[in-house]
Amino acid sequence: MDILLLSPIAILFYGTTIFMLIILNKNLFKLEYGHHQAVVFTTASKNVSITIAIPISVFGKTGQFMAVYPAIRAIFQTPILITYLRYSDKIKNLFETIEKETRIIPKTGITKI
């Protein structure tokens, strides 16, 4: 029953994280697509096994209940990252528009948007 309750939370977490990173990396940080993809994969695919092991080792039998959410999150990690890769061409097009809009003025090194 816990899986049915926590699955939507895990999917919402990954979806929100990746969406927020796309918006922040594109608009606020003005990253190019390669750097953006590195940030997304680093953020969305952190060491879930350590997150599962720490509560179990620290809290013993009670810790196994704390490890349920990270375990369920790990189930959705791979399919969501594969989905991100599937739509990476569309995401890359979003970042290429930024690179086209940004031009460097010769001899001054000043970036003009």
PDB file of N, CA and C in Angstrom:
ATOM      1  N   MET A   1       0.821  -1.206   0.000  1.00  0.00           N
ATOM      2  CA  MET A   1       0.000   0.000   0.000  1.00  0.00           C
ATOM      3  C   MET A   1       0.864   1.270   0.000  1.00  0.00           C
ATOM      4  N   ASP A   2       2.042   1.170   0.656  1.00  0.00           N
ATOM      5  CA  ASP A   2       2.929   2.336   0.685  1.00  0.00           C
ATOM      6  C   ASP A   2       3.378   2.743  -0.702  1.00  0.00           C
ATOM      7  N   ILE A   3       3.587   1.756  -1.573  1.00  0.00           N
ATOM      8  CA  ILE A   3       4.043   2.058  -2.928  1.00  0.00           C
ATOM      9  C   ILE A   3       3.001   2.882  -3.677  1.00  0.00           C
ATOM     10  N   LEU A   4       1.731   2.555  -3.474  1.00  0.00           N
ATOM     11  CA  LEU A   4       0.671   3.304  -4.150  1.00  0.00           C
ATOM     12  C   LEU A   4       0.595   4.744  -3.664  1.00  0.00           C
ATOM     13  N   LEU A   5       0.933   4.966  -2.414  1.00  0.00           N
ATOM     14  CA  LEU A   5       0.895   6.325  -1.875  1.00  0.00           C
ATOM     15  C   LEU A   5       2.141   7.128  -2.245  1.00  0.00           C
ATOM     16  N   LEU A   6       3.296   6.466  -2.257  1.00  0.00           N
ATOM     17  CA  LEU A   6       4.539   7.184  -2.472  1.00  0.00           C
ATOM     18  C   LEU A   6       4.939   7.305  -3.944  1.00  0.00           C
ATOM     19  N   SER A   7       4.400   6.477  -4.799  1.00  0.00           N
ATOM     20  CA  SER A   7       4.753   6.538  -6.221  1.00  0.00           C
ATOM     21  C   SER A   7       4.446   7.897  -6.851  1.00  0.00           C
ATOM     22  N   PRO A   8       3.253   8.458  -6.642  1.00  0.00           N
ATOM     23  CA  PRO A   8       2.994   9.787  -7.228  1.00  0.00           C
ATOM     24  C   PRO A   8       3.934  10.859  -6.684  1.00  0.00           C
ATOM     25  N   ILE A   9       4.341  10.727  -5.426  1.00  0.00           N
ATOM     26  CA  ILE A   9       5.267  11.700  -4.847  1.00  0.00           C
ATOM     27  C   ILE A   9       6.623  11.603  -5.530  1.00  0.00           C
ATOM     28  N   ALA A  10       7.080  10.372  -5.783  1.00  0.00           N
ATOM     29  CA  ALA A  10       8.369  10.189  -6.453  1.00  0.00           C
ATOM     30  C   ALA A  10       8.331  10.737  -7.872  1.00  0.00           C
ATOM     31  N   ILE A  11       7.266  10.450  -8.593  1.00  0.00           N
ATOM     32  CA  ILE A  11       7.143  10.952  -9.963  1.00  0.00           C
ATOM     33  C   ILE A  11       7.053  12.476  -9.964  1.00  0.00           C
ATOM     34  N   LEU A  12       6.294  13.033  -9.051  1.00  0.00           N
ATOM     35  CA  LEU A  12       6.179  14.486  -8.946  1.00  0.00           C
ATOM     36  C   LEU A  12       7.520  15.123  -8.592  1.00  0.00           C
ATOM     37  N   PHE A  13       8.276  14.472  -7.704  1.00  0.00           N
ATOM     38  CA  PHE A  13       9.592  14.982  -7.312  1.00  0.00           C
ATOM     39  C   PHE A  13      10.516  15.069  -8.521  1.00  0.00           C
ATOM     40  N   TYR A  14      10.630  13.986  -9.268  1.00  0.00           N
ATOM     41  CA  TYR A  14      11.517  13.985 -10.429  1.00  0.00           C
ATOM     42  C   TYR A  14      11.038  14.960 -11.506  1.00  0.00           C
ATOM     43  N   GLY A  15       9.763  14.959 -11.777  1.00  0.00           N
ATOM     44  CA  GLY A  15       9.241  15.875 -12.787  1.00  0.00           C
ATOM     45  C   GLY A  15       9.476  17.322 -12.415  1.00  0.00           C
ATOM     46  N   THR A  16       9.218  17.659 -11.163  1.00  0.00           N
ATOM     47  CA  THR A  16       9.411  19.028 -10.691  1.00  0.00           C
ATOM     48  C   THR A  16      10.882  19.411 -10.712  1.00  0.00           C
ATOM     49  N   THR A  17      11.743  18.493 -10.263  1.00  0.00           N
ATOM     50  CA  THR A  17      13.178  18.788 -10.235  1.00  0.00           C
ATOM     51  C   THR A  17      13.710  19.069 -11.629  1.00  0.00           C
ATOM     52  N   ILE A  18      13.384  18.217 -12.581  1.00  0.00           N
ATOM     53  CA  ILE A  18      13.893  18.402 -13.934  1.00  0.00           C
ATOM     54  C   ILE A  18      13.306  19.660 -14.576  1.00  0.00           C
ATOM     55  N   PHE A  19      12.011  19.920 -14.365  1.00  0.00           N
ATOM     56  CA  PHE A  19      11.384  21.111 -14.927  1.00  0.00           C
ATOM     57  C   PHE A  19      12.009  22.383 -14.345  1.00  0.00           C
ATOM     58  N   MET A  20      12.215  22.403 -13.037  1.00  0.00           N
ATOM     59  CA  MET A  20      12.816  23.581 -12.397  1.00  0.00           C
ATOM     60  C   MET A  20      14.244  23.799 -12.895  1.00  0.00           C
ATOM     61  N   LEU A  21      14.987  22.709 -13.090  1.00  0.00           N
ATOM     62  CA  LEU A  21      16.350  22.846 -13.584  1.00  0.00           C
ATOM     63  C   LEU A  21      16.379  23.381 -15.008  1.00  0.00           C
ATOM     64  N   ILE A  22      15.428  22.959 -15.822  1.00  0.00           N
ATOM     65  CA  ILE A  22      15.363  23.482 -17.187  1.00  0.00           C
ATOM     66  C   ILE A  22      15.127  24.987 -17.158  1.00  0.00           C
ATOM     67  N   ILE A  23      14.161  25.426 -16.363  1.00  0.00           N
ATOM     68  CA  ILE A  23      13.838  26.850 -16.275  1.00  0.00           C
ATOM     69  C   ILE A  23      15.011  27.656 -15.705  1.00  0.00           C
ATOM     70  N   LEU A  24      15.589  27.179 -14.591  1.00  0.00           N
ATOM     71  CA  LEU A  24      16.693  27.909 -13.968  1.00  0.00           C
ATOM     72  C   LEU A  24      17.923  27.950 -14.856  1.00  0.00           C
ATOM     73  N   ASN A  25      18.284  26.811 -15.425  1.00  0.00           N
ATOM     74  CA  ASN A  25      19.485  26.771 -16.263  1.00  0.00           C
ATOM     75  C   ASN A  25      19.338  27.597 -17.529  1.00  0.00           C
ATOM     76  N   LYS A  26      18.148  27.636 -18.071  1.00  0.00           N
ATOM     77  CA  LYS A  26      17.927  28.374 -19.316  1.00  0.00           C
ATOM     78  C   LYS A  26      17.838  29.871 -19.059  1.00  0.00           C
ATOM     79  N   ASN A  27      17.017  30.273 -18.119  1.00  0.00           N
ATOM     80  CA  ASN A  27      16.729  31.699 -17.934  1.00  0.00           C
ATOM     81  C   ASN A  27      17.657  32.397 -16.948  1.00  0.00           C
ATOM     82  N   LEU A  28      17.920  31.773 -15.815  1.00  0.00           N
ATOM     83  CA  LEU A  28      18.689  32.452 -14.775  1.00  0.00           C
ATOM     84  C   LEU A  28      20.197  32.287 -14.966  1.00  0.00           C
ATOM     85  N   PHE A  29      20.635  31.058 -15.176  1.00  0.00           N
ATOM     86  CA  PHE A  29      22.067  30.792 -15.265  1.00  0.00           C
ATOM     87  C   PHE A  29      22.621  30.896 -16.682  1.00  0.00           C
ATOM     88  N   LYS A  30      21.735  30.906 -17.683  1.00  0.00           N
ATOM     89  CA  LYS A  30      22.127  31.014 -19.098  1.00  0.00           C
ATOM     90  C   LYS A  30      23.169  29.959 -19.480  1.00  0.00           C
ATOM     91  N   LEU A  31      22.952  28.738 -19.040  1.00  0.00           N
ATOM     92  CA  LEU A  31      23.867  27.644 -19.366  1.00  0.00           C
ATOM     93  C   LEU A  31      23.610  27.122 -20.768  1.00  0.00           C
ATOM     94  N   GLU A  32      24.656  26.604 -21.391  1.00  0.00           N
ATOM     95  CA  GLU A  32      24.453  25.928 -22.669  1.00  0.00           C
ATOM     96  C   GLU A  32      23.921  24.530 -22.379  1.00  0.00           C
ATOM     97  N   TYR A  33      23.453  23.857 -23.408  1.00  0.00           N
ATOM     98  CA  TYR A  33      22.749  22.587 -23.234  1.00  0.00           C
ATOM     99  C   TYR A  33      23.618  21.504 -22.592  1.00  0.00           C
ATOM    100  N   GLY A  34      24.871  21.402 -22.963  1.00  0.00           N
ATOM    101  CA  GLY A  34      25.742  20.370 -22.399  1.00  0.00           C
ATOM    102  C   GLY A  34      25.909  20.511 -20.897  1.00  0.00           C
ATOM    103  N   HIS A  35      26.087  21.738 -20.435  1.00  0.00           N
ATOM    104  CA  HIS A  35      26.200  21.964 -18.992  1.00  0.00           C
ATOM    105  C   HIS A  35      24.875  21.695 -18.289  1.00  0.00           C
ATOM    106  N   HIS A  36      23.789  22.081 -18.935  1.00  0.00           N
ATOM    107  CA  HIS A  36      22.461  21.838 -18.360  1.00  0.00           C
ATOM    108  C   HIS A  36      22.216  20.345 -18.176  1.00  0.00           C
ATOM    109  N   GLN A  37      22.560  19.556 -19.181  1.00  0.00           N
ATOM    110  CA  GLN A  37      22.324  18.117 -19.101  1.00  0.00           C
ATOM    111  C   GLN A  37      23.154  17.495 -17.973  1.00  0.00           C
ATOM    112  N   ALA A  38      24.362  17.959 -17.777  1.00  0.00           N
ATOM    113  CA  ALA A  38      25.190  17.461 -16.675  1.00  0.00           C
ATOM    114  C   ALA A  38      24.557  17.784 -15.325  1.00  0.00           C
ATOM    115  N   VAL A  39      24.004  18.987 -15.190  1.00  0.00           N
ATOM    116  CA  VAL A  39      23.354  19.372 -13.929  1.00  0.00           C
ATOM    117  C   VAL A  39      22.117  18.513 -13.671  1.00  0.00           C
ATOM    118  N   VAL A  40      21.314  18.282 -14.699  1.00  0.00           N
ATOM    119  CA  VAL A  40      20.090  17.486 -14.530  1.00  0.00           C
ATOM    120  C   VAL A  40      20.424  16.059 -14.114  1.00  0.00           C
ATOM    121  N   PHE A  41      21.369  15.442 -14.797  1.00  0.00           N
ATOM    122  CA  PHE A  41      21.697  14.061 -14.465  1.00  0.00           C
ATOM    123  C   PHE A  41      22.358  13.947 -13.098  1.00  0.00           C
ATOM    124  N   THR A  42      23.173  14.916 -12.724  1.00  0.00           N
ATOM    125  CA  THR A  42      23.791  14.879 -11.401  1.00  0.00           C
ATOM    126  C   THR A  42      22.743  15.057 -10.309  1.00  0.00           C
ATOM    127  N   THR A  43      21.800  15.944 -10.519  1.00  0.00           N
ATOM    128  CA  THR A  43      20.776  16.216  -9.518  1.00  0.00           C
ATOM    129  C   THR A  43      19.761  15.085  -9.411  1.00  0.00           C
ATOM    130  N   ALA A  44      19.302  14.591 -10.540  1.00  0.00           N
ATOM    131  CA  ALA A  44      18.222  13.602 -10.525  1.00  0.00           C
ATOM    132  C   ALA A  44      18.701  12.181 -10.258  1.00  0.00           C
ATOM    133  N   SER A  45      19.990  11.924 -10.388  1.00  0.00           N
ATOM    134  CA  SER A  45      20.461  10.551 -10.192  1.00  0.00           C
ATOM    135  C   SER A  45      21.521  10.450  -9.109  1.00  0.00           C
ATOM    136  N   LYS A  46      21.279  11.079  -7.995  1.00  0.00           N
ATOM    137  CA  LYS A  46      22.225  11.013  -6.883  1.00  0.00           C
ATOM    138  C   LYS A  46      22.255   9.617  -6.289  1.00  0.00           C
ATOM    139  N   ASN A  47      23.131   9.391  -5.361  1.00  0.00           N
ATOM    140  CA  ASN A  47      23.335   8.079  -4.757  1.00  0.00           C
ATOM    141  C   ASN A  47      22.164   7.684  -3.865  1.00  0.00           C
ATOM    142  N   VAL A  48      21.172   7.079  -4.470  1.00  0.00           N
ATOM    143  CA  VAL A  48      19.987   6.660  -3.733  1.00  0.00           C
ATOM    144  C   VAL A  48      20.311   5.484  -2.817  1.00  0.00           C
ATOM    145  N   SER A  49      21.266   4.662  -3.199  1.00  0.00           N
ATOM    146  CA  SER A  49      21.608   3.509  -2.366  1.00  0.00           C
ATOM    147  C   SER A  49      22.150   3.947  -1.014  1.00  0.00           C
ATOM    148  N   ILE A  50      22.897   5.035  -0.983  1.00  0.00           N
ATOM    149  CA  ILE A  50      23.380   5.560   0.299  1.00  0.00           C
ATOM    150  C   ILE A  50      22.209   6.094   1.117  1.00  0.00           C
ATOM    151  N   THR A  51      21.255   6.734   0.447  1.00  0.00           N
ATOM    152  CA  THR A  51      20.075   7.253   1.131  1.00  0.00           C
ATOM    153  C   THR A  51      19.249   6.124   1.733  1.00  0.00           C
ATOM    154  N   ILE A  52      19.274   4.972   1.108  1.00  0.00           N
ATOM    155  CA  ILE A  52      18.558   3.813   1.646  1.00  0.00           C
ATOM    156  C   ILE A  52      19.341   3.185   2.794  1.00  0.00           C
ATOM    157  N   ALA A  53      20.660   3.117   2.676  1.00  0.00           N
ATOM    158  CA  ALA A  53      21.483   2.418   3.663  1.00  0.00           C
ATOM    159  C   ALA A  53      21.616   3.169   4.987  1.00  0.00           C
ATOM    160  N   ILE A  54      21.680   4.492   4.941  1.00  0.00           N
ATOM    161  CA  ILE A  54      21.911   5.255   6.173  1.00  0.00           C
ATOM    162  C   ILE A  54      20.785   5.093   7.190  1.00  0.00           C
ATOM    163  N   PRO A  55      19.495   5.269   6.839  1.00  0.00           N
ATOM    164  CA  PRO A  55      18.460   5.085   7.862  1.00  0.00           C
ATOM    165  C   PRO A  55      18.419   3.660   8.420  1.00  0.00           C
ATOM    166  N   ILE A  56      18.683   2.684   7.569  1.00  0.00           N
ATOM    167  CA  ILE A  56      18.646   1.303   8.051  1.00  0.00           C
ATOM    168  C   ILE A  56      19.795   1.048   9.020  1.00  0.00           C
ATOM    169  N   SER A  57      20.985   1.557   8.708  1.00  0.00           N
ATOM    170  CA  SER A  57      22.118   1.308   9.594  1.00  0.00           C
ATOM    171  C   SER A  57      22.045   2.128  10.880  1.00  0.00           C
ATOM    172  N   VAL A  58      21.512   3.325  10.808  1.00  0.00           N
ATOM    173  CA  VAL A  58      21.451   4.180  11.994  1.00  0.00           C
ATOM    174  C   VAL A  58      20.285   3.811  12.905  1.00  0.00           C
ATOM    175  N   PHE A  59      19.093   3.619  12.337  1.00  0.00           N
ATOM    176  CA  PHE A  59      17.899   3.411  13.144  1.00  0.00           C
ATOM    177  C   PHE A  59      17.497   1.950  13.284  1.00  0.00           C
ATOM    178  N   GLY A  60      18.224   1.047  12.673  1.00  0.00           N
ATOM    179  CA  GLY A  60      17.922  -0.376  12.815  1.00  0.00           C
ATOM    180  C   GLY A  60      16.607  -0.757  12.167  1.00  0.00           C
ATOM    181  N   LYS A  61      15.787  -1.477  12.928  1.00  0.00           N
ATOM    182  CA  LYS A  61      14.537  -1.990  12.383  1.00  0.00           C
ATOM    183  C   LYS A  61      13.570  -0.864  12.007  1.00  0.00           C
ATOM    184  N   THR A  62      13.571   0.223  12.749  1.00  0.00           N
ATOM    185  CA  THR A  62      12.693   1.342  12.416  1.00  0.00           C
ATOM    186  C   THR A  62      13.155   2.056  11.150  1.00  0.00           C
ATOM    187  N   GLY A  63      14.440   2.000  10.870  1.00  0.00           N
ATOM    188  CA  GLY A  63      14.982   2.672   9.701  1.00  0.00           C
ATOM    189  C   GLY A  63      14.517   2.092   8.382  1.00  0.00           C
ATOM    190  N   GLN A  64      14.078   0.828   8.420  1.00  0.00           N
ATOM    191  CA  GLN A  64      13.608   0.238   7.164  1.00  0.00           C
ATOM    192  C   GLN A  64      12.348   0.924   6.662  1.00  0.00           C
ATOM    193  N   PHE A  65      11.569   1.485   7.559  1.00  0.00           N
ATOM    194  CA  PHE A  65      10.384   2.230   7.119  1.00  0.00           C
ATOM    195  C   PHE A  65      10.775   3.590   6.550  1.00  0.00           C
ATOM    196  N   MET A  66      11.857   4.165   7.061  1.00  0.00           N
ATOM    197  CA  MET A  66      12.347   5.438   6.522  1.00  0.00           C
ATOM    198  C   MET A  66      12.959   5.255   5.138  1.00  0.00           C
ATOM    199  N   ALA A  67      13.424   4.067   4.849  1.00  0.00           N
ATOM    200  CA  ALA A  67      14.087   3.801   3.575  1.00  0.00           C
ATOM    201  C   ALA A  67      13.104   3.464   2.458  1.00  0.00           C
ATOM    202  N   VAL A  68      11.811   3.426   2.756  1.00  0.00           N
ATOM    203  CA  VAL A  68      10.818   3.071   1.736  1.00  0.00           C
ATOM    204  C   VAL A  68      10.763   4.135   0.641  1.00  0.00           C
ATOM    205  N   TYR A  69      10.720   5.404   1.007  1.00  0.00           N
ATOM    206  CA  TYR A  69      10.617   6.457  -0.012  1.00  0.00           C
ATOM    207  C   TYR A  69      11.831   6.485  -0.942  1.00  0.00           C
ATOM    208  N   PRO A  70      13.073   6.464  -0.415  1.00  0.00           N
ATOM    209  CA  PRO A  70      14.202   6.433  -1.354  1.00  0.00           C
ATOM    210  C   PRO A  70      14.215   5.182  -2.233  1.00  0.00           C
ATOM    211  N   ALA A  71      13.741   4.075  -1.706  1.00  0.00           N
ATOM    212  CA  ALA A  71      13.696   2.851  -2.511  1.00  0.00           C
ATOM    213  C   ALA A  71      12.691   2.990  -3.655  1.00  0.00           C
ATOM    214  N   ILE A  72      11.552   3.578  -3.372  1.00  0.00           N
ATOM    215  CA  ILE A  72      10.539   3.785  -4.416  1.00  0.00           C
ATOM    216  C   ILE A  72      11.032   4.830  -5.417  1.00  0.00           C
ATOM    217  N   ARG A  73      11.728   5.821  -4.922  1.00  0.00           N
ATOM    218  CA  ARG A  73      12.293   6.839  -5.805  1.00  0.00           C
ATOM    219  C   ARG A  73      13.291   6.225  -6.782  1.00  0.00           C
ATOM    220  N   ALA A  74      14.041   5.246  -6.310  1.00  0.00           N
ATOM    221  CA  ALA A  74      15.022   4.587  -7.173  1.00  0.00           C
ATOM    222  C   ALA A  74      14.347   3.806  -8.298  1.00  0.00           C
ATOM    223  N   ILE A  75      13.137   3.317  -8.050  1.00  0.00           N
ATOM    224  CA  ILE A  75      12.400   2.587  -9.082  1.00  0.00           C
ATOM    225  C   ILE A  75      12.083   3.499 -10.264  1.00  0.00           C
ATOM    226  N   PHE A  76      11.757   4.739  -9.990  1.00  0.00           N
ATOM    227  CA  PHE A  76      11.352   5.685 -11.040  1.00  0.00           C
ATOM    228  C   PHE A  76      12.512   6.475 -11.627  1.00  0.00           C
ATOM    229  N   GLN A  77      13.673   6.376 -11.026  1.00  0.00           N
ATOM    230  CA  GLN A  77      14.818   7.167 -11.456  1.00  0.00           C
ATOM    231  C   GLN A  77      15.216   6.861 -12.905  1.00  0.00           C
ATOM    232  N   THR A  78      15.413   5.620 -13.233  1.00  0.00           N
ATOM    233  CA  THR A  78      15.853   5.252 -14.579  1.00  0.00           C
ATOM    234  C   THR A  78      14.821   5.584 -15.654  1.00  0.00           C
ATOM    235  N   PRO A  79      13.532   5.200 -15.490  1.00  0.00           N
ATOM    236  CA  PRO A  79      12.567   5.550 -16.555  1.00  0.00           C
ATOM    237  C   PRO A  79      12.420   7.052 -16.777  1.00  0.00           C
ATOM    238  N   ILE A  80      12.498   7.836 -15.726  1.00  0.00           N
ATOM    239  CA  ILE A  80      12.343   9.283 -15.889  1.00  0.00           C
ATOM    240  C   ILE A  80      13.559   9.877 -16.595  1.00  0.00           C
ATOM    241  N   LEU A  81      14.747   9.408 -16.273  1.00  0.00           N
ATOM    242  CA  LEU A  81      15.927   9.910 -16.965  1.00  0.00           C
ATOM    243  C   LEU A  81      15.955   9.454 -18.423  1.00  0.00           C
ATOM    244  N   ILE A  82      15.452   8.266 -18.707  1.00  0.00           N
ATOM    245  CA  ILE A  82      15.338   7.817 -20.097  1.00  0.00           C
ATOM    246  C   ILE A  82      14.343   8.688 -20.858  1.00  0.00           C
ATOM    247  N   THR A  83      13.231   9.038 -20.210  1.00  0.00           N
ATOM    248  CA  THR A  83      12.254   9.931 -20.830  1.00  0.00           C
ATOM    249  C   THR A  83      12.869  11.300 -21.101  1.00  0.00           C
ATOM    250  N   TYR A  84      13.676  11.780 -20.166  1.00  0.00           N
ATOM    251  CA  TYR A  84      14.368  13.053 -20.371  1.00  0.00           C
ATOM    252  C   TYR A  84      15.268  12.977 -21.600  1.00  0.00           C
ATOM    253  N   LEU A  85      15.995  11.873 -21.735  1.00  0.00           N
ATOM    254  CA  LEU A  85      16.857  11.708 -22.906  1.00  0.00           C
ATOM    255  C   LEU A  85      16.060  11.620 -24.200  1.00  0.00           C
ATOM    256  N   ARG A  86      14.890  11.017 -24.123  1.00  0.00           N
ATOM    257  CA  ARG A  86      14.049  10.895 -25.317  1.00  0.00           C
ATOM    258  C   ARG A  86      13.631  12.271 -25.840  1.00  0.00           C
ATOM    259  N   TYR A  87      13.358  13.182 -24.936  1.00  0.00           N
ATOM    260  CA  TYR A  87      12.941  14.533 -25.326  1.00  0.00           C
ATOM    261  C   TYR A  87      14.105  15.522 -25.322  1.00  0.00           C
ATOM    262  N   SER A  88      15.325  15.021 -25.292  1.00  0.00           N
ATOM    263  CA  SER A  88      16.482  15.913 -25.210  1.00  0.00           C
ATOM    264  C   SER A  88      16.640  16.797 -26.442  1.00  0.00           C
ATOM    265  N   ASP A  89      16.185  16.338 -27.602  1.00  0.00           N
ATOM    266  CA  ASP A  89      16.273  17.187 -28.802  1.00  0.00           C
ATOM    267  C   ASP A  89      15.419  18.443 -28.662  1.00  0.00           C
ATOM    268  N   LYS A  90      14.222  18.277 -28.111  1.00  0.00           N
ATOM    269  CA  LYS A  90      13.350  19.445 -27.910  1.00  0.00           C
ATOM    270  C   LYS A  90      13.936  20.382 -26.865  1.00  0.00           C
ATOM    271  N   ILE A  91      14.504  19.801 -25.818  1.00  0.00           N
ATOM    272  CA  ILE A  91      15.116  20.621 -24.772  1.00  0.00           C
ATOM    273  C   ILE A  91      16.345  21.330 -25.324  1.00  0.00           C
ATOM    274  N   LYS A  92      17.112  20.635 -26.157  1.00  0.00           N
ATOM    275  CA  LYS A  92      18.298  21.244 -26.764  1.00  0.00           C
ATOM    276  C   LYS A  92      17.911  22.433 -27.641  1.00  0.00           C
ATOM    277  N   ASN A  93      16.778  22.331 -28.341  1.00  0.00           N
ATOM    278  CA  ASN A  93      16.302  23.451 -29.164  1.00  0.00           C
ATOM    279  C   ASN A  93      15.991  24.675 -28.319  1.00  0.00           C
ATOM    280  N   LEU A  94      15.489  24.465 -27.102  1.00  0.00           N
ATOM    281  CA  LEU A  94      15.234  25.594 -26.201  1.00  0.00           C
ATOM    282  C   LEU A  94      16.537  26.312 -25.863  1.00  0.00           C
ATOM    283  N   PHE A  95      17.590  25.552 -25.618  1.00  0.00           N
ATOM    284  CA  PHE A  95      18.858  26.153 -25.243  1.00  0.00           C
ATOM    285  C   PHE A  95      19.577  26.781 -26.429  1.00  0.00           C
ATOM    286  N   GLU A  96      19.359  26.268 -27.628  1.00  0.00           N
ATOM    287  CA  GLU A  96      19.997  26.853 -28.809  1.00  0.00           C
ATOM    288  C   GLU A  96      19.442  28.229 -29.129  1.00  0.00           C
ATOM    289  N   THR A  97      18.189  28.494 -28.769  1.00  0.00           N
ATOM    290  CA  THR A  97      17.641  29.830 -29.008  1.00  0.00           C
ATOM    291  C   THR A  97      18.362  30.865 -28.161  1.00  0.00           C
ATOM    292  N   ILE A  98      18.795  30.488 -26.978  1.00  0.00           N
ATOM    293  CA  ILE A  98      19.542  31.412 -26.120  1.00  0.00           C
ATOM    294  C   ILE A  98      20.891  31.726 -26.750  1.00  0.00           C
ATOM    295  N   GLU A  99      21.572  30.690 -27.266  1.00  0.00           N
ATOM    296  CA  GLU A  99      22.881  30.905 -27.860  1.00  0.00           C
ATOM    297  C   GLU A  99      22.791  31.787 -29.102  1.00  0.00           C
ATOM    298  N   LYS A 100      21.706  31.689 -29.862  1.00  0.00           N
ATOM    299  CA  LYS A 100      21.534  32.521 -31.045  1.00  0.00           C
ATOM    300  C   LYS A 100      21.253  33.974 -30.661  1.00  0.00           C
ATOM    301  N   GLU A 101      20.558  34.186 -29.540  1.00  0.00           N
ATOM    302  CA  GLU A 101      20.211  35.536 -29.113  1.00  0.00           C
ATOM    303  C   GLU A 101      21.401  36.265 -28.508  1.00  0.00           C
ATOM    304  N   THR A 102      22.366  35.539 -27.959  1.00  0.00           N
ATOM    305  CA  THR A 102      23.516  36.150 -27.309  1.00  0.00           C
ATOM    306  C   THR A 102      24.642  36.291 -28.323  1.00  0.00           C
ATOM    307  N   ARG A 103      25.117  37.522 -28.499  1.00  0.00           N
ATOM    308  CA  ARG A 103      26.215  37.796 -29.429  1.00  0.00           C
ATOM    309  C   ARG A 103      27.288  38.580 -28.684  1.00  0.00           C
ATOM    310  N   ILE A 104      28.538  38.364 -29.076  1.00  0.00           N
ATOM    311  CA  ILE A 104      29.651  39.098 -28.462  1.00  0.00           C
ATOM    312  C   ILE A 104      30.046  40.235 -29.390  1.00  0.00           C
ATOM    313  N   ILE A 105      30.136  41.436 -28.816  1.00  0.00           N
ATOM    314  CA  ILE A 105      30.550  42.609 -29.585  1.00  0.00           C
ATOM    315  C   ILE A 105      32.070  42.527 -29.766  1.00  0.00           C
ATOM    316  N   PRO A 106      32.562  42.650 -31.011  1.00  0.00           N
ATOM    317  CA  PRO A 106      33.997  42.498 -31.266  1.00  0.00           C
ATOM    318  C   PRO A 106      34.851  43.527 -30.524  1.00  0.00           C
ATOM    319  N   LYS A 107      36.045  43.107 -30.122  1.00  0.00           N
ATOM    320  CA  LYS A 107      37.095  43.924 -29.508  1.00  0.00           C
ATOM    321  C   LYS A 107      36.775  44.411 -28.113  1.00  0.00           C
ATOM    322  N   THR A 108      35.542  44.312 -27.650  1.00  0.00           N
ATOM    323  CA  THR A 108      35.246  44.769 -26.298  1.00  0.00           C
ATOM    324  C   THR A 108      35.018  43.607 -25.347  1.00  0.00           C
ATOM    325  N   GLY A 109      34.606  42.466 -25.887  1.00  0.00           N
ATOM    326  CA  GLY A 109      34.346  41.305 -25.047  1.00  0.00           C
ATOM    327  C   GLY A 109      33.057  41.415 -24.271  1.00  0.00           C
ATOM    328  N   ILE A 110      32.256  42.430 -24.564  1.00  0.00           N
ATOM    329  CA  ILE A 110      30.992  42.631 -23.860  1.00  0.00           C
ATOM    330  C   ILE A 110      29.921  41.766 -24.522  1.00  0.00           C
ATOM    331  N   THR A 111      29.161  41.097 -23.717  1.00  0.00           N
ATOM    332  CA  THR A 111      28.081  40.265 -24.250  1.00  0.00           C
ATOM    333  C   THR A 111      26.831  41.105 -24.398  1.00  0.00           C
ATOM    334  N   LYS A 112      26.217  41.037 -25.569  1.00  0.00           N
ATOM    335  CA  LYS A 112      24.993  41.793 -25.822  1.00  0.00           C
ATOM    336  C   LYS A 112      23.857  40.812 -26.030  1.00  0.00           C
ATOM    337  N   ILE A 113      22.765  41.042 -25.357  1.00  0.00           N
ATOM    338  CA  ILE A 113      21.589  40.172 -25.477  1.00  0.00           C
ATOM    339  C   ILE A 113      20.520  40.874 -26.273  1.00  0.00           C
TER     340      ILE A 113
END
